[in-house]
Structure formats: structure tokens, C-alpha cells
Protein backbone atom coordinates (compact mmCIF):
# COMPACT_ATOMS: atom_id res chain seq x y z
CA MET A 1 94.94 0.46 6.91
CA PRO A 2 98.33 1.87 6.35
CA LEU A 3 99.02 -0.92 3.96
CA ILE A 4 96.03 -0.18 2.00
CA PHE A 5 96.90 3.42 1.59
CA ASP A 6 100.52 2.67 0.61
CA GLU A 7 99.22 0.76 -2.39
CA LEU A 8 97.38 3.85 -3.49
CA SER A 9 100.42 5.94 -3.15
CA GLY A 10 100.88 6.11 -7.13
CA LEU A 11 97.46 7.60 -7.60
CA PRO A 12 96.48 11.29 -7.34
CA SER A 13 96.44 12.53 -3.79
CA TRP A 14 92.68 13.07 -3.88
CA VAL A 15 91.78 9.37 -4.27
CA PRO A 16 93.16 8.24 -0.99
CA VAL A 17 91.02 11.20 0.72
CA VAL A 18 87.95 10.33 -1.10
CA LEU A 19 88.44 6.67 -0.12
CA LEU A 20 89.15 7.55 3.36
CA PHE A 21 86.03 9.56 3.47
CA SER A 22 83.92 6.91 1.99
CA LEU A 23 85.09 4.06 4.17
CA SER A 24 84.59 6.28 7.48
CA PHE A 25 81.17 7.18 6.53
CA VAL A 26 80.28 3.36 5.86
CA LEU A 27 82.13 2.11 8.92
CA GLY A 28 80.30 5.07 11.04
CA PHE A 29 76.93 3.98 9.53
CA LEU A 30 77.44 0.42 10.45
CA ALA A 31 78.67 1.24 14.13
CA ARG A 32 75.63 3.70 14.51
CA LEU A 33 73.34 0.80 13.19
CA ILE A 34 74.99 -1.69 15.78
CA LEU A 35 74.60 0.94 18.66
CA LEU A 36 71.07 1.53 17.78
CA ARG A 37 70.21 -2.20 17.72
CA PHE A 38 72.07 -2.72 21.09
CA ILE A 39 69.77 0.22 22.50
CA ARG A 40 66.60 -1.49 21.16
CA TYR A 41 67.86 -4.75 22.45
CA TRP A 42 68.14 -3.26 26.15
CA GLN A 43 64.69 -1.57 25.98
CA SER A 44 62.98 -4.57 27.34
CA ARG A 45 64.96 -4.09 30.55
CA ASP A 46 64.43 -0.46 30.92
CA ARG A 47 62.39 0.77 28.32
CA LYS A 48 62.06 4.34 29.23
CA LEU A 49 65.96 5.06 29.35
CA PHE A 50 66.77 3.37 26.13
CA LYS A 51 63.73 4.65 24.25
CA SER A 52 64.86 8.06 25.31
CA LEU A 53 68.60 7.30 24.12
CA GLU A 54 67.38 6.11 20.78
CA LYS A 55 65.15 9.14 20.36
CA HIS A 56 67.92 11.80 21.12
CA LEU A 57 70.96 10.02 19.88
CA ARG A 58 69.85 8.74 16.64
CA GLY A 59 70.75 11.93 14.67
CA SER A 60 73.82 13.06 16.67
CA MET A 61 75.58 9.88 16.06
CA PHE A 62 75.58 10.24 12.29
CA LEU A 63 78.53 12.45 12.02
CA PHE A 64 80.49 11.83 15.13
CA ILE A 65 81.76 8.26 14.38
CA PRO A 66 82.69 8.87 10.99
CA LEU A 67 84.77 12.04 11.86
CA LEU A 68 86.52 10.23 14.45
CA LEU A 69 87.64 7.46 11.83
CA ILE A 70 88.49 10.22 9.54
CA ASN A 71 90.79 12.14 12.05
CA VAL A 72 92.65 8.84 12.77
CA GLY A 73 92.88 7.64 9.30
CA ILE A 74 93.89 11.15 7.74
CA ASN A 75 97.49 10.64 9.35
CA TYR A 76 98.17 7.40 7.23
CA ILE A 77 97.68 9.05 3.89
CA ASN A 78 100.66 10.74 2.19
CA ILE A 79 99.13 14.09 1.02
CA HIS A 80 100.58 17.54 0.87
CA PRO A 81 101.15 19.05 4.43
CA ASP A 82 99.13 22.10 3.73
CA LEU A 83 96.20 20.11 2.68
CA LEU A 84 96.69 17.83 5.85
CA VAL A 85 96.56 20.80 8.02
CA PHE A 86 93.43 22.00 6.47
CA ILE A 87 91.60 18.67 6.68
CA THR A 88 92.91 18.15 10.32
CA ASN A 89 91.67 21.38 11.40
CA THR A 90 88.20 21.11 9.59
CA VAL A 91 87.60 17.73 11.06
CA ASN A 92 88.61 18.77 14.64
CA VAL A 93 86.20 21.66 14.41
CA PHE A 94 83.26 19.26 13.19
CA ILE A 95 84.41 16.78 15.80
CA ILE A 96 83.86 19.28 18.47
CA LEU A 97 80.48 20.53 17.17
CA SER A 98 79.54 16.89 16.99
CA PHE A 99 80.69 15.96 20.62
CA CYS A 100 78.66 19.17 21.64
CA SER A 101 75.71 17.93 20.08
CA VAL A 102 75.88 14.54 21.67
CA LEU A 103 76.33 16.14 25.13
CA ILE A 104 73.33 18.53 24.61
CA ARG A 105 71.26 15.46 23.63
CA LEU A 106 72.65 13.59 26.66
CA THR A 107 71.06 16.62 28.58
CA ASN A 108 67.74 15.78 27.20
CA VAL A 109 67.93 12.17 28.06
CA ALA A 110 68.63 13.24 31.66
CA GLN A 111 65.69 15.66 31.38
CA ASP A 112 63.35 12.84 30.21
CA MET A 113 64.50 10.40 33.34
CA LEU A 114 63.82 13.36 35.72
CA TYR A 115 60.33 14.32 34.30
CA ILE A 116 59.38 10.52 34.59
CA ARG A 117 60.64 10.56 38.27
CA TYR A 118 58.67 13.71 38.93
CA ASP A 119 55.49 13.38 37.25
CA ILE A 120 53.08 16.70 37.48
CA ASN A 121 50.21 14.72 36.39
CA ILE A 122 49.10 13.78 39.82
CA SER A 123 47.00 15.46 42.22
CA ASN A 124 49.46 16.62 44.73
CA ASN A 125 52.34 17.70 42.42
CA LEU A 126 53.77 20.55 44.27
CA ARG A 127 57.08 18.95 44.82
CA ALA A 128 57.14 17.60 41.14
CA ARG A 129 56.61 21.14 39.89
CA LYS A 130 59.42 22.50 42.13
CA ILE A 131 61.79 20.23 40.83
CA ARG A 132 60.69 20.55 37.16
CA THR A 133 61.18 24.33 37.28
CA GLN A 134 64.77 23.90 38.60
CA ILE A 135 65.29 21.08 35.94
CA ILE A 136 64.37 23.19 33.32
CA TYR A 137 66.29 26.23 34.23
CA VAL A 138 69.43 24.28 35.07
CA LYS A 139 69.33 22.43 31.65
CA LYS A 140 69.26 25.61 29.73
CA VAL A 141 72.23 27.13 31.65
CA VAL A 142 73.95 23.91 31.17
CA ILE A 143 73.46 24.00 27.32
CA VAL A 144 74.76 27.82 27.22
CA ILE A 145 77.88 26.77 29.24
CA LEU A 146 78.43 23.58 26.74
CA VAL A 147 78.13 25.83 23.66
CA LEU A 148 80.54 28.51 25.20
CA PHE A 149 83.01 25.81 25.93
CA CYS A 150 82.89 24.02 22.47
CA LEU A 151 83.26 27.64 20.95
CA SER A 152 86.26 27.92 23.18
CA LEU A 153 87.75 24.45 22.09
CA ILE A 154 87.10 25.63 18.39
CA LEU A 155 88.99 28.66 18.74
CA LEU A 156 91.82 27.14 20.53
CA SER A 157 92.47 24.62 17.93
CA PHE A 158 93.92 27.30 15.69
CA PRO A 159 97.53 27.97 16.46
CA GLY A 160 97.13 31.71 15.54
CA VAL A 161 94.50 32.09 18.29
CA ARG A 162 96.63 30.45 20.88
CA LYS A 163 99.35 32.67 19.79
CA PHE A 164 97.43 35.70 20.80
CA GLY A 165 95.91 34.18 23.70
CA THR A 166 97.86 36.55 26.21
CA THR A 167 96.84 39.75 24.36
CA ILE A 168 93.12 38.41 24.43
CA LEU A 169 93.43 37.74 28.02
CA ALA A 170 94.88 41.12 28.67
CA GLY A 171 91.91 42.91 26.95
CA ALA A 172 89.47 40.77 28.38
CA GLY A 173 88.73 42.83 31.41
CA VAL A 174 87.94 45.95 29.26
CA ALA A 175 85.96 44.03 26.81
CA GLY A 176 84.06 42.47 29.86
CA ILE A 177 83.13 45.88 31.06
CA ILE A 178 81.89 47.13 27.75
CA ILE A 179 79.83 43.87 27.21
CA GLY A 180 78.45 43.98 30.74
CA PHE A 181 77.14 47.53 29.81
CA ALA A 182 75.90 46.45 26.39
CA LEU A 183 73.90 43.29 27.74
CA GLN A 184 73.07 44.84 31.00
CA LYS A 185 69.13 44.00 30.64
CA SER A 186 70.12 40.38 29.40
CA LEU A 187 72.26 39.90 32.47
CA VAL A 188 69.59 41.04 34.77
CA ASN A 189 67.31 38.76 33.12
CA LEU A 190 69.63 35.78 33.51
CA PHE A 191 70.18 36.43 37.21
CA ALA A 192 66.57 36.73 37.71
CA GLY A 193 65.96 33.47 36.22
CA ILE A 194 68.50 31.85 38.56
CA GLN A 195 66.64 33.58 41.54
CA ILE A 196 63.25 32.36 40.36
CA ALA A 197 64.69 28.84 39.74
CA PHE A 198 65.61 28.32 43.28
CA THR A 199 63.64 30.56 45.44
CA GLN A 200 60.58 29.72 43.18
CA PRO A 201 57.93 32.47 43.50
CA ILE A 202 56.47 30.80 40.39
CA LYS A 203 56.82 27.09 39.11
CA ILE A 204 55.94 25.01 36.07
CA ASP A 205 52.13 24.80 35.74
CA ASP A 206 51.48 27.26 38.73
CA ALA A 207 48.02 29.13 38.40
CA VAL A 208 48.65 32.86 38.48
CA VAL A 209 46.85 36.27 37.97
CA VAL A 210 49.16 38.67 35.99
CA GLU A 211 48.22 41.71 34.08
CA LYS A 212 44.50 41.09 34.99
CA GLU A 213 44.75 37.74 33.27
CA TRP A 214 44.34 34.30 34.83
CA GLY A 215 46.49 31.24 33.55
CA TRP A 216 49.15 28.82 34.26
CA ILE A 217 52.95 28.96 33.82
CA GLU A 218 53.70 27.23 30.69
CA GLU A 219 57.45 28.01 30.12
CA ILE A 220 60.27 29.58 32.16
CA ASN A 221 63.16 30.37 29.94
CA LEU A 222 66.46 32.18 30.53
CA THR A 223 64.92 35.90 29.73
CA TYR A 224 61.17 35.47 29.81
CA VAL A 225 58.12 33.59 30.89
CA VAL A 226 55.19 32.20 28.78
CA VAL A 227 51.70 32.21 30.74
CA ARG A 228 49.07 30.04 29.13
CA ILE A 229 45.83 32.17 29.55
CA TRP A 230 42.52 30.17 30.23
CA ASP A 231 41.34 30.92 26.58
CA LEU A 232 44.46 29.39 25.36
CA ARG A 233 46.15 32.66 24.46
CA ARG A 234 49.96 33.08 25.48
CA LEU A 235 51.11 35.87 27.55
CA VAL A 236 54.85 36.51 27.36
CA LEU A 237 56.54 38.49 30.10
CA PRO A 238 60.14 39.42 30.87
CA ILE A 239 61.45 37.17 33.54
CA THR A 240 62.21 40.33 35.71
CA TYR A 241 58.41 40.81 35.84
CA PHE A 242 58.11 38.16 38.61
CA THR A 243 60.81 39.69 40.61
CA GLU A 244 59.92 43.31 40.52
CA ASN A 245 55.98 43.29 40.33
CA PRO A 246 53.21 41.97 42.51
CA PHE A 247 51.29 39.00 41.07
CA GLN A 248 48.89 36.42 42.34
CA ASN A 249 50.00 32.68 42.68
CA TRP A 250 47.14 30.54 43.42
CA THR A 251 49.28 27.42 43.80
CA ARG A 252 52.46 28.58 45.62
CA ASN A 253 52.27 26.15 48.45
CA ASN A 254 49.54 23.51 47.34
CA ALA A 255 47.71 22.77 44.18
CA GLN A 256 44.48 22.71 46.01
CA ILE A 257 42.10 25.52 45.27
CA LEU A 258 39.38 27.19 47.41
CA GLY A 259 36.45 28.04 44.92
CA SER A 260 33.72 30.52 45.55
CA VAL A 261 30.16 30.87 44.25
CA PHE A 262 27.98 34.03 45.06
CA LEU A 263 24.11 33.95 44.96
CA TYR A 264 22.02 37.11 45.29
CA VAL A 265 18.41 36.05 46.71
CA ASP A 266 15.55 37.69 48.26
CA TYR A 267 15.08 37.76 51.95
CA SER A 268 12.33 35.53 51.75
CA MET A 269 14.56 32.49 50.69
CA PRO A 270 15.04 29.95 53.61
CA LEU A 271 18.62 29.24 53.93
CA GLU A 272 18.23 25.50 55.42
CA PRO A 273 16.93 23.95 52.15
CA LEU A 274 19.57 25.82 50.43
CA ARG A 275 22.40 24.55 52.52
CA GLN A 276 20.93 20.86 52.37
CA HIS A 277 21.02 21.19 48.60
CA PHE A 278 24.32 22.38 48.48
CA ASP A 279 25.57 19.46 50.35
CA LYS A 280 23.80 17.16 48.26
CA VAL A 281 25.34 18.82 44.97
CA LEU A 282 28.76 18.31 46.19
CA ASN A 283 28.38 14.75 47.40
CA GLU A 284 26.93 13.95 43.84
CA THR A 285 30.10 15.32 41.95
CA LYS A 286 33.38 13.84 41.64
CA LEU A 287 34.77 17.53 41.13
CA TRP A 288 34.57 18.31 44.85
CA ASP A 289 37.78 16.70 46.87
CA ARG A 290 35.57 16.24 50.02
CA GLU A 291 37.49 18.61 52.33
CA THR A 292 36.06 22.07 52.64
CA LYS A 293 32.42 23.21 52.04
CA VAL A 294 30.80 26.54 53.66
CA LEU A 295 27.66 28.21 53.00
CA GLN A 296 27.24 31.55 54.65
CA VAL A 297 25.15 35.00 54.15
CA THR A 298 28.01 37.25 53.63
CA ASP A 299 26.42 40.63 52.80
CA THR A 300 23.01 42.15 52.73
CA THR A 301 21.71 45.15 50.63
CA GLU A 302 18.20 47.02 50.81
CA LYS A 303 16.95 44.53 48.00
CA THR A 304 18.98 41.08 48.38
CA MET A 305 21.13 38.98 50.59
CA THR A 306 24.35 37.51 49.22
CA ILE A 307 25.06 33.88 49.98
CA ARG A 308 28.61 32.75 49.50
CA MET A 309 29.48 29.08 49.01
CA LEU A 310 32.99 27.71 49.41
CA MET A 311 34.42 24.28 48.17
CA THR A 312 37.68 23.01 47.47
CA ALA A 313 39.19 21.12 44.41
CA GLN A 314 42.32 19.40 43.64
CA ASN A 315 43.73 22.05 41.15
CA SER A 316 42.52 25.31 39.50
CA PRO A 317 41.00 23.79 36.33
CA ILE A 318 38.92 21.47 38.39
CA ALA A 319 37.85 24.24 40.67
CA PHE A 320 36.57 26.44 37.86
CA ASP A 321 34.30 23.55 36.76
CA LEU A 322 33.15 22.70 40.06
CA ARG A 323 32.08 26.40 40.66
CA CYS A 324 30.29 26.35 37.38
CA HIS A 325 28.45 23.13 38.38
CA VAL A 326 27.47 24.29 41.78
CA ARG A 327 26.22 27.71 40.42
CA GLU A 328 24.01 26.00 37.79
CA LYS A 329 22.58 23.53 40.20
CA MET A 330 21.74 26.01 42.93
CA ILE A 331 20.07 28.47 40.52
CA GLU A 332 18.03 25.62 39.12
CA PHE A 333 16.95 24.71 42.74
CA ILE A 334 15.73 28.15 43.55
CA GLN A 335 14.12 28.53 40.16
CA GLN A 336 12.11 25.23 40.52
CA ASN A 337 11.37 25.28 44.32
CA TYR A 338 11.58 29.07 45.52
CA PRO A 339 10.71 31.17 42.19
CA GLN A 340 9.34 33.88 44.52
CA SER A 341 12.81 34.22 46.24
CA LEU A 342 14.67 35.21 43.23
CA PRO A 343 15.80 38.90 43.47
CA HIS A 344 12.90 41.46 42.51
CA VAL A 345 11.90 44.87 43.17
CA ARG A 346 9.06 45.70 45.81
CA ALA A 347 6.85 48.84 45.46
CA SER A 348 4.23 49.96 47.97
CA LEU A 349 1.13 51.79 46.79
CA THR A 350 -0.23 54.34 49.33
CA ASP A 351 -3.91 55.87 49.35
CA THR A 352 -4.23 59.20 47.44
CA ALA A 353 -4.64 62.21 49.59
CA PRO A 354 -8.47 63.26 50.26
CA GLU A 355 -8.22 66.44 48.37
CA LYS A 356 -6.63 64.77 45.34
CA ARG A 357 -9.12 62.25 45.34
CA SER A 358 -12.11 64.83 45.43
CA GLU A 359 -10.69 66.59 42.52
CA LEU A 360 -10.35 63.32 40.55
CA GLN A 361 -13.89 62.61 41.29
CA ALA A 362 -14.99 66.08 40.31
CA PHE A 363 -13.12 66.02 37.08
């Protein structure tokens, strides 16, 4: 390479620079193409890993390799020192940014591999949801640290910044106090997120009731949580909400849900046929996990008695469907076999008083 640029020493200074950039991007494109071919070749041995590598590294390697070649080749070009310093500093900045991009994309690869290992699409997914909640939050913190680290490297690459480094450190204490007061809310949310990631009052895909709304935890971010409501609306709450307010978590220790159905029937309704049909309905559906089934009279009023049916399901969506199914079948059974036992109002007619009756006859 030095010999090539020595032969171009008689040309204008911009010609070797353009040639260097062109050759670097061509060689970088070829190196990227070879790397991707190599990744595709190894997909047959570990398809999931190398497929994730190809997916995430495809774009980040486009600038990283050519910039490294430019950074090496620029030292063999005879150009003005001021222009050399400018090009070197600019290339170094872009190398740091590209390197940061590669590291962030590698965290995405690590996340994909951990997601495959801890699959939440199984019935008993409590441990997987715990690990995924920690993975999501730790990944976001790692990305923030990487960005701050790369920005620090960019600033330190300029001699002027290094020169005033002592002055900057001296004022860092006062600046830290001022920034702490200014970002008090954000810092509280950040530490609340760390607390939630490791104590885990909520986890990804937990069934919760918040603000009188029922849904699932869809996202846990650095400062807020997204709850997917049952009707597909999204409820966005600050992450401190879950450390400062009471809420219901239906899947805190187990994804299994105990569902309930209430029937209000007349006192003439016999319980044994109702209990037998309830058992039949559960045994004929795949929604029931075959663990718990209870039918009890839990309350009475002057008009009806309350029958409560309990049954378990693998998770909250299945439990909702199971409750609807049981409710429909039990109402249908009562309508077809015991229609007289549906709730109704009784009225008793008494004989009219004699004096009233005589008055009516005279009239």
C-alpha cells in the first residue's frame, strides 16, 4: 500500500484520499460479504445463533471494517498535517460509534439466545418470565452504559478535552448535585426499575389488575411499564407506580388461575343434577387443567340462592374462556331441564275481607 500511494505523490492531495476511501469501502464490502457467507455456512450447525448474528450484524458491519482500513491507510498518505489530524479525528469518532453499534447489536444477539432458552410459550412459564424480566431490564441498562462509555471515548479523543480534564473533574461534584436535583424523578424511576427487575413484584406477561383495568404486563422499560388491556388498549404507567401503589398480580407465583362462575337460581333447583352436569362440562373441555373443581351454595337471599363454581386453568386467558364456556353450558342446562328454577318473583293472593266483599257485591 505505501508503494501505491508513493506513485501518486505527484497528484493533488485529494486524489490519494479519495482513492483510499474508495479502496477501503470496496475491501470492507468484500470482507463483510465473506463474513456473512461464513455465518450462513455455519447456520447448519447452530442455526439459531448464526441466524441471529446475521440478522443483527448485517447493518453494523457496513461502516466498521472500511473505517478501520481508512484509519490504517491514512498514515501512508502524504497530505497536509492539519487535514491529516481532521481526517484522523473524524474517522476515530465514527470508529467508536460503529464499535458501539456492534456491541449493542451483540447484546441483541445475547438476548435472542436467552429468549430461546427461557421460552414463555409453555404452560408453566413462571421461571422463564422471571428471567426474561431481568434480561430486558439488564439489557437496557447495559445499552445506556455502552452509550455513555462511547461518548466518553469520543470526548477523550480530542486533545482539548483531555487538557481540561482536571477542571472538568473538579466541577463534576457540583454538576452532579445540580443534575441530581434536575433529574430527581428520572433517577427515582431508574432505581425503581432496578428494584422491580430483581425483586419482581411484576414480570413480563403477568396478569394484573391496575387502575380498575385487567390486562398483562407487556413491556418493562427504564422509566415506565406498558400494560396490555384485555381489549387491546395499552395502559402506560410510571414504573414507580408498582412500588408505591397496591395492585393485583394474578400470576405472582404461578401462571395457573382459579376461575369462578356464579349462578343465581330459585330455591326449587336441585343441586345434585347441577353438580353432575358441571363435572360433565369440565371433563369434555380441554380448557380445564383437571386439577380443581368445586360447586357450592355460597349465599342466599329472600328470592334466590347463589351457586359458585370454581375451576382452574393453565393461565388467565384460558381461564377467561373456561369461565365463559361453563357459564353458557350451565345456563343452557337449566333452561332445558329446570326452567321453573330460573329466578322469578313470587306473589301470594289472599282472600278479600268480608266487609270489602259485601261492598263489592252491593256495588
